[in-house]
Amino acid sequence: MDLQEPHGNTIATKVLVIDDSNTIRRSAEIFLKQAGHEVVLAEDGFDALAKLSDYQPDLVFCDILMPRLDGYQTCAIIKRNPQFASVPVIMLSSKDGLFDKARGRMVGSQDYLTKPFTKDQLLQAVQQHCRAG
């Protein structure tokens, strides 16, 4: 039995979704799985950091407003780790504020999605930040 990834096929993108809202986590999971991506869910920053090294995602969606460890702190910790510094982090927020976007960039996030997001917005962000090669 060949355990190597088949060549020529698109290997699924591994996506970590961090959000304290069960509704947001579930809808992101459904949208991403329908598109053929692998998904791991985390309900806050601590949960996410525990799953990060086991799962080694290709992309992270991270809510800004969360208890214990907010999205900015979570993103900064991910980016400070040399193993994950190159993993794109996309901030999720219910506010579409300039300040939030700027602060997200300061801690290393690549992009910003306003909630509630559509399936197209979510998948477009994955495509944009995880180009093969």
N, C-alpha and C. Protein backbone atom coordinates (compact mmCIF):
# COMPACT_ATOMS: atom_id res chain seq x y z
N MET A 1 0.84 -1.19 0.00
CA MET A 1 0.00 0.00 0.00
C MET A 1 0.88 1.25 0.00
N ASP A 2 0.58 2.17 -0.88
CA ASP A 2 1.38 3.39 -1.01
C ASP A 2 0.83 4.47 -0.08
N LEU A 3 1.67 4.93 0.85
CA LEU A 3 1.21 5.92 1.82
C LEU A 3 1.55 7.35 1.41
N GLN A 4 2.23 7.52 0.29
CA GLN A 4 2.58 8.87 -0.15
C GLN A 4 1.37 9.58 -0.73
N GLU A 5 1.44 10.91 -0.70
CA GLU A 5 0.35 11.70 -1.30
C GLU A 5 0.36 11.45 -2.81
N PRO A 6 -0.80 11.26 -3.40
CA PRO A 6 -0.84 11.07 -4.85
C PRO A 6 -0.40 12.34 -5.57
N HIS A 7 0.47 12.17 -6.56
CA HIS A 7 0.95 13.34 -7.29
C HIS A 7 -0.11 13.79 -8.29
N GLY A 8 -0.14 15.10 -8.52
CA GLY A 8 -1.11 15.63 -9.47
C GLY A 8 -2.43 15.99 -8.82
N ASN A 9 -2.77 15.36 -7.70
CA ASN A 9 -4.02 15.70 -7.03
C ASN A 9 -3.79 16.88 -6.09
N THR A 10 -4.81 17.67 -5.91
CA THR A 10 -4.69 18.78 -4.98
C THR A 10 -4.79 18.23 -3.57
N ILE A 11 -3.78 18.51 -2.78
CA ILE A 11 -3.80 18.06 -1.41
C ILE A 11 -4.66 19.05 -0.62
N ALA A 12 -5.55 18.52 0.20
CA ALA A 12 -6.47 19.38 0.94
C ALA A 12 -5.69 20.35 1.84
N THR A 13 -6.20 21.56 1.91
CA THR A 13 -5.63 22.56 2.80
C THR A 13 -6.11 22.27 4.21
N LYS A 14 -5.18 22.31 5.17
CA LYS A 14 -5.56 22.10 6.57
C LYS A 14 -5.83 23.46 7.19
N VAL A 15 -7.06 23.65 7.66
CA VAL A 15 -7.48 24.95 8.18
C VAL A 15 -7.86 24.83 9.66
N LEU A 16 -7.31 25.74 10.47
CA LEU A 16 -7.68 25.82 11.88
C LEU A 16 -8.62 27.02 12.04
N VAL A 17 -9.80 26.78 12.59
CA VAL A 17 -10.77 27.85 12.82
C VAL A 17 -10.90 28.07 14.32
N ILE A 18 -10.55 29.30 14.76
CA ILE A 18 -10.60 29.63 16.19
C ILE A 18 -11.70 30.67 16.39
N ASP A 19 -12.74 30.28 17.12
CA ASP A 19 -13.83 31.21 17.41
C ASP A 19 -14.61 30.71 18.61
N ASP A 20 -14.98 31.61 19.51
CA ASP A 20 -15.74 31.17 20.69
C ASP A 20 -17.22 30.98 20.38
N SER A 21 -17.64 31.34 19.17
CA SER A 21 -19.04 31.14 18.78
C SER A 21 -19.19 29.80 18.08
N ASN A 22 -20.00 28.93 18.66
CA ASN A 22 -20.25 27.62 18.08
C ASN A 22 -20.84 27.75 16.68
N THR A 23 -21.71 28.73 16.48
CA THR A 23 -22.36 28.95 15.18
C THR A 23 -21.32 29.26 14.10
N ILE A 24 -20.40 30.16 14.42
CA ILE A 24 -19.35 30.54 13.45
C ILE A 24 -18.46 29.34 13.16
N ARG A 25 -18.05 28.62 14.20
CA ARG A 25 -17.20 27.44 14.00
C ARG A 25 -17.88 26.42 13.10
N ARG A 26 -19.14 26.14 13.38
CA ARG A 26 -19.87 25.13 12.60
C ARG A 26 -20.06 25.56 11.15
N SER A 27 -20.43 26.84 10.92
CA SER A 27 -20.64 27.25 9.52
C SER A 27 -19.32 27.26 8.76
N ALA A 28 -18.23 27.70 9.40
CA ALA A 28 -16.92 27.67 8.74
C ALA A 28 -16.54 26.23 8.42
N GLU A 29 -16.78 25.32 9.35
CA GLU A 29 -16.45 23.92 9.14
C GLU A 29 -17.22 23.34 7.96
N ILE A 30 -18.51 23.62 7.90
CA ILE A 30 -19.35 23.11 6.80
C ILE A 30 -18.87 23.66 5.46
N PHE A 31 -18.66 24.98 5.37
CA PHE A 31 -18.21 25.60 4.12
C PHE A 31 -16.87 25.00 3.66
N LEU A 32 -15.93 24.88 4.60
CA LEU A 32 -14.58 24.42 4.24
C LEU A 32 -14.58 22.94 3.86
N LYS A 33 -15.33 22.12 4.59
CA LYS A 33 -15.36 20.68 4.28
C LYS A 33 -16.04 20.42 2.94
N GLN A 34 -17.08 21.20 2.64
CA GLN A 34 -17.75 21.05 1.34
C GLN A 34 -16.79 21.31 0.20
N ALA A 35 -15.81 22.19 0.45
CA ALA A 35 -14.83 22.53 -0.58
C ALA A 35 -13.64 21.58 -0.56
N GLY A 36 -13.69 20.57 0.31
CA GLY A 36 -12.64 19.55 0.32
C GLY A 36 -11.46 19.83 1.23
N HIS A 37 -11.59 20.80 2.12
CA HIS A 37 -10.49 21.12 3.04
C HIS A 37 -10.63 20.32 4.33
N GLU A 38 -9.48 20.14 5.00
CA GLU A 38 -9.50 19.52 6.34
C GLU A 38 -9.68 20.64 7.35
N VAL A 39 -10.48 20.39 8.38
CA VAL A 39 -10.79 21.45 9.35
C VAL A 39 -10.58 20.97 10.77
N VAL A 40 -9.95 21.82 11.58
CA VAL A 40 -9.87 21.60 13.01
C VAL A 40 -10.43 22.84 13.68
N LEU A 41 -11.25 22.64 14.70
CA LEU A 41 -11.90 23.75 15.38
C LEU A 41 -11.31 23.96 16.77
N ALA A 42 -11.21 25.22 17.16
CA ALA A 42 -10.76 25.57 18.51
C ALA A 42 -11.67 26.66 19.03
N GLU A 43 -12.02 26.57 20.34
CA GLU A 43 -12.98 27.57 20.85
C GLU A 43 -12.34 28.78 21.48
N ASP A 44 -11.03 28.77 21.69
CA ASP A 44 -10.34 29.98 22.13
C ASP A 44 -8.85 29.85 21.84
N GLY A 45 -8.09 30.89 22.18
CA GLY A 45 -6.67 30.92 21.87
C GLY A 45 -5.88 29.78 22.52
N PHE A 46 -6.19 29.47 23.77
CA PHE A 46 -5.46 28.40 24.45
C PHE A 46 -5.72 27.06 23.78
N ASP A 47 -6.98 26.81 23.45
CA ASP A 47 -7.38 25.59 22.75
C ASP A 47 -6.63 25.50 21.42
N ALA A 48 -6.57 26.63 20.72
CA ALA A 48 -5.90 26.68 19.41
C ALA A 48 -4.41 26.38 19.53
N LEU A 49 -3.76 26.99 20.51
CA LEU A 49 -2.31 26.80 20.67
C LEU A 49 -1.99 25.35 21.01
N ALA A 50 -2.88 24.70 21.75
CA ALA A 50 -2.69 23.28 22.08
C ALA A 50 -2.80 22.41 20.83
N LYS A 51 -3.65 22.81 19.88
CA LYS A 51 -3.87 22.01 18.67
C LYS A 51 -2.89 22.34 17.55
N LEU A 52 -2.26 23.50 17.63
CA LEU A 52 -1.41 24.00 16.56
C LEU A 52 -0.29 23.04 16.18
N SER A 53 0.49 22.60 17.16
CA SER A 53 1.65 21.76 16.83
C SER A 53 1.25 20.35 16.41
N ASP A 54 0.14 19.83 16.96
CA ASP A 54 -0.33 18.50 16.55
C ASP A 54 -0.83 18.53 15.12
N TYR A 55 -1.53 19.60 14.79
CA TYR A 55 -2.25 19.65 13.52
C TYR A 55 -1.47 20.31 12.39
N GLN A 56 -0.62 21.28 12.72
CA GLN A 56 0.19 22.00 11.74
C GLN A 56 -0.64 22.49 10.54
N PRO A 57 -1.53 23.45 10.79
CA PRO A 57 -2.42 23.93 9.72
C PRO A 57 -1.67 24.73 8.65
N ASP A 58 -2.30 24.80 7.47
CA ASP A 58 -1.77 25.61 6.37
C ASP A 58 -2.30 27.04 6.46
N LEU A 59 -3.40 27.20 7.21
CA LEU A 59 -4.07 28.49 7.31
C LEU A 59 -4.85 28.54 8.61
N VAL A 60 -4.92 29.73 9.21
CA VAL A 60 -5.66 29.90 10.47
C VAL A 60 -6.67 31.04 10.32
N PHE A 61 -7.92 30.77 10.69
CA PHE A 61 -8.92 31.83 10.84
C PHE A 61 -9.07 32.06 12.34
N CYS A 62 -8.93 33.31 12.77
CA CYS A 62 -8.90 33.59 14.20
C CYS A 62 -9.84 34.75 14.57
N ASP A 63 -10.81 34.47 15.42
CA ASP A 63 -11.72 35.49 15.92
C ASP A 63 -10.93 36.49 16.77
N ILE A 64 -11.34 37.76 16.76
CA ILE A 64 -10.64 38.75 17.58
C ILE A 64 -11.15 38.75 19.01
N LEU A 65 -12.46 38.80 19.19
CA LEU A 65 -13.01 38.89 20.55
C LEU A 65 -13.28 37.51 21.13
N MET A 66 -12.38 37.06 21.99
CA MET A 66 -12.54 35.76 22.65
C MET A 66 -12.13 35.90 24.11
N PRO A 67 -12.70 35.06 24.97
CA PRO A 67 -12.29 35.10 26.39
C PRO A 67 -10.87 34.54 26.56
N ARG A 68 -10.26 34.84 27.67
CA ARG A 68 -8.92 34.36 28.07
C ARG A 68 -7.80 34.91 27.20
N LEU A 69 -7.74 34.51 25.94
CA LEU A 69 -6.68 34.96 25.04
C LEU A 69 -7.36 35.48 23.79
N ASP A 70 -7.26 36.78 23.51
CA ASP A 70 -7.98 37.30 22.34
C ASP A 70 -7.24 36.98 21.04
N GLY A 71 -7.87 37.34 19.93
CA GLY A 71 -7.32 37.01 18.62
C GLY A 71 -5.97 37.64 18.34
N TYR A 72 -5.78 38.89 18.80
CA TYR A 72 -4.50 39.57 18.58
C TYR A 72 -3.38 38.83 19.31
N GLN A 73 -3.65 38.47 20.58
CA GLN A 73 -2.64 37.76 21.37
C GLN A 73 -2.35 36.39 20.75
N THR A 74 -3.40 35.70 20.34
CA THR A 74 -3.25 34.37 19.73
C THR A 74 -2.41 34.47 18.45
N CYS A 75 -2.73 35.43 17.60
CA CYS A 75 -2.00 35.63 16.35
C CYS A 75 -0.53 35.95 16.63
N ALA A 76 -0.29 36.84 17.58
CA ALA A 76 1.09 37.22 17.91
C ALA A 76 1.90 36.01 18.39
N ILE A 77 1.28 35.15 19.20
CA ILE A 77 1.98 33.96 19.70
C ILE A 77 2.29 33.00 18.54
N ILE A 78 1.32 32.82 17.65
CA ILE A 78 1.53 31.94 16.48
C ILE A 78 2.69 32.47 15.64
N LYS A 79 2.69 33.78 15.38
CA LYS A 79 3.71 34.39 14.53
C LYS A 79 5.09 34.42 15.17
N ARG A 80 5.16 34.40 16.50
CA ARG A 80 6.46 34.39 17.19
C ARG A 80 7.12 33.03 17.16
N ASN A 81 6.35 31.99 16.87
CA ASN A 81 6.89 30.64 16.81
C ASN A 81 7.45 30.41 15.41
N PRO A 82 8.78 30.19 15.30
CA PRO A 82 9.40 30.04 13.97
C PRO A 82 8.75 28.94 13.12
N GLN A 83 8.22 27.92 13.78
CA GLN A 83 7.59 26.81 13.06
C GLN A 83 6.31 27.26 12.34
N PHE A 84 5.63 28.27 12.89
CA PHE A 84 4.34 28.69 12.33
C PHE A 84 4.34 30.12 11.81
N ALA A 85 5.50 30.78 11.81
CA ALA A 85 5.57 32.19 11.41
C ALA A 85 5.08 32.42 9.98
N SER A 86 5.22 31.42 9.12
CA SER A 86 4.82 31.60 7.72
C SER A 86 3.38 31.19 7.45
N VAL A 87 2.68 30.67 8.47
CA VAL A 87 1.28 30.26 8.29
C VAL A 87 0.39 31.50 8.26
N PRO A 88 -0.38 31.68 7.19
CA PRO A 88 -1.25 32.86 7.13
C PRO A 88 -2.33 32.82 8.21
N VAL A 89 -2.54 33.96 8.88
CA VAL A 89 -3.60 34.08 9.87
C VAL A 89 -4.58 35.14 9.37
N ILE A 90 -5.85 34.78 9.31
CA ILE A 90 -6.89 35.71 8.88
C ILE A 90 -7.79 36.00 10.07
N MET A 91 -7.87 37.26 10.44
CA MET A 91 -8.67 37.66 11.60
C MET A 91 -10.15 37.68 11.23
N LEU A 92 -10.99 37.28 12.19
CA LEU A 92 -12.44 37.32 12.02
C LEU A 92 -13.01 38.31 13.04
N SER A 93 -13.87 39.21 12.60
CA SER A 93 -14.47 40.14 13.55
C SER A 93 -15.85 40.57 13.11
N SER A 94 -16.70 40.85 14.08
CA SER A 94 -18.03 41.34 13.75
C SER A 94 -17.99 42.85 13.47
N LYS A 95 -16.85 43.48 13.76
CA LYS A 95 -16.69 44.91 13.46
C LYS A 95 -15.83 45.05 12.20
N ASP A 96 -16.20 45.99 11.35
CA ASP A 96 -15.42 46.21 10.14
C ASP A 96 -14.61 47.49 10.31
N GLY A 97 -13.82 47.54 11.38
CA GLY A 97 -13.13 48.77 11.71
C GLY A 97 -11.72 48.85 11.18
N LEU A 98 -11.33 50.05 10.79
CA LEU A 98 -9.98 50.31 10.31
C LEU A 98 -8.95 49.99 11.39
N PHE A 99 -9.29 50.36 12.64
CA PHE A 99 -8.38 50.13 13.76
C PHE A 99 -8.11 48.63 13.94
N ASP A 100 -9.19 47.84 13.87
CA ASP A 100 -9.04 46.38 14.03
C ASP A 100 -8.15 45.79 12.94
N LYS A 101 -8.35 46.27 11.71
CA LYS A 101 -7.55 45.77 10.58
C LYS A 101 -6.08 46.13 10.77
N ALA A 102 -5.83 47.37 11.16
CA ALA A 102 -4.45 47.82 11.37
C ALA A 102 -3.79 47.06 12.51
N ARG A 103 -4.53 46.89 13.60
CA ARG A 103 -3.98 46.17 14.75
C ARG A 103 -3.71 44.70 14.38
N GLY A 104 -4.58 44.12 13.57
CA GLY A 104 -4.38 42.75 13.11
C GLY A 104 -3.10 42.62 12.31
N ARG A 105 -2.85 43.61 11.43
CA ARG A 105 -1.62 43.59 10.62
C ARG A 105 -0.39 43.72 11.52
N MET A 106 -0.51 44.53 12.56
CA MET A 106 0.63 44.74 13.46
C MET A 106 1.06 43.45 14.16
N VAL A 107 0.12 42.56 14.44
CA VAL A 107 0.48 41.29 15.09
C VAL A 107 0.75 40.19 14.08
N GLY A 108 0.69 40.54 12.78
CA GLY A 108 1.11 39.59 11.75
C GLY A 108 0.02 38.93 10.95
N SER A 109 -1.23 39.37 11.10
CA SER A 109 -2.29 38.71 10.31
C SER A 109 -2.20 39.15 8.85
N GLN A 110 -2.59 38.25 7.95
CA GLN A 110 -2.50 38.52 6.52
C GLN A 110 -3.76 39.18 5.97
N ASP A 111 -4.89 38.96 6.65
CA ASP A 111 -6.15 39.43 6.09
C ASP A 111 -7.18 39.55 7.20
N TYR A 112 -8.38 39.97 6.81
CA TYR A 112 -9.43 40.29 7.76
C TYR A 112 -10.77 39.99 7.12
N LEU A 113 -11.60 39.20 7.79
CA LEU A 113 -12.94 38.92 7.29
C LEU A 113 -13.95 39.42 8.30
N THR A 114 -14.98 40.08 7.82
CA THR A 114 -16.03 40.56 8.71
C THR A 114 -17.11 39.50 8.84
N LYS A 115 -17.54 39.23 10.08
CA LYS A 115 -18.61 38.25 10.32
C LYS A 115 -19.96 38.97 10.23
N PRO A 116 -21.01 38.33 9.79
CA PRO A 116 -21.00 36.96 9.27
C PRO A 116 -20.43 36.95 7.85
N PHE A 117 -19.56 35.99 7.58
CA PHE A 117 -18.96 35.87 6.25
C PHE A 117 -19.79 34.91 5.41
N THR A 118 -19.66 35.02 4.10
CA THR A 118 -20.35 34.08 3.20
C THR A 118 -19.39 32.93 2.88
N LYS A 119 -19.96 31.89 2.34
CA LYS A 119 -19.14 30.75 1.92
C LYS A 119 -18.09 31.21 0.91
N ASP A 120 -18.51 32.05 -0.03
CA ASP A 120 -17.59 32.54 -1.06
C ASP A 120 -16.43 33.33 -0.47
N GLN A 121 -16.74 34.21 0.50
CA GLN A 121 -15.68 35.02 1.12
C GLN A 121 -14.66 34.11 1.82
N LEU A 122 -15.16 33.11 2.52
CA LEU A 122 -14.29 32.20 3.26
C LEU A 122 -13.40 31.41 2.31
N LEU A 123 -13.99 30.84 1.28
CA LEU A 123 -13.23 30.02 0.33
C LEU A 123 -12.27 30.86 -0.51
N GLN A 124 -12.67 32.08 -0.80
CA GLN A 124 -11.79 32.98 -1.55
C GLN A 124 -10.54 33.30 -0.71
N ALA A 125 -10.74 33.50 0.59
CA ALA A 125 -9.60 33.78 1.47
C ALA A 125 -8.65 32.59 1.53
N VAL A 126 -9.19 31.38 1.58
CA VAL A 126 -8.35 30.17 1.59
C VAL A 126 -7.55 30.10 0.30
N GLN A 127 -8.24 30.30 -0.82
CA GLN A 127 -7.59 30.22 -2.13
C GLN A 127 -6.48 31.27 -2.26
N GLN A 128 -6.77 32.47 -1.82
CA GLN A 128 -5.86 33.58 -1.95
C GLN A 128 -4.58 33.37 -1.13
N HIS A 129 -4.73 32.78 0.06
CA HIS A 129 -3.58 32.68 0.96
C HIS A 129 -2.88 31.32 0.94
N CYS A 130 -3.46 30.37 0.25
CA CYS A 130 -2.84 29.04 0.20
C CYS A 130 -2.61 28.57 -1.22
N ARG A 131 -2.04 29.44 -2.03
CA ARG A 131 -1.72 29.02 -3.39
C ARG A 131 -0.65 27.95 -3.34
N ALA A 132 -0.85 26.90 -4.05
CA ALA A 132 0.12 25.80 -4.04
C ALA A 132 1.45 26.26 -4.65
N GLY A 133 2.51 25.87 -3.97
CA GLY A 133 3.78 26.05 -4.60
C GLY A 133 4.65 27.14 -4.17
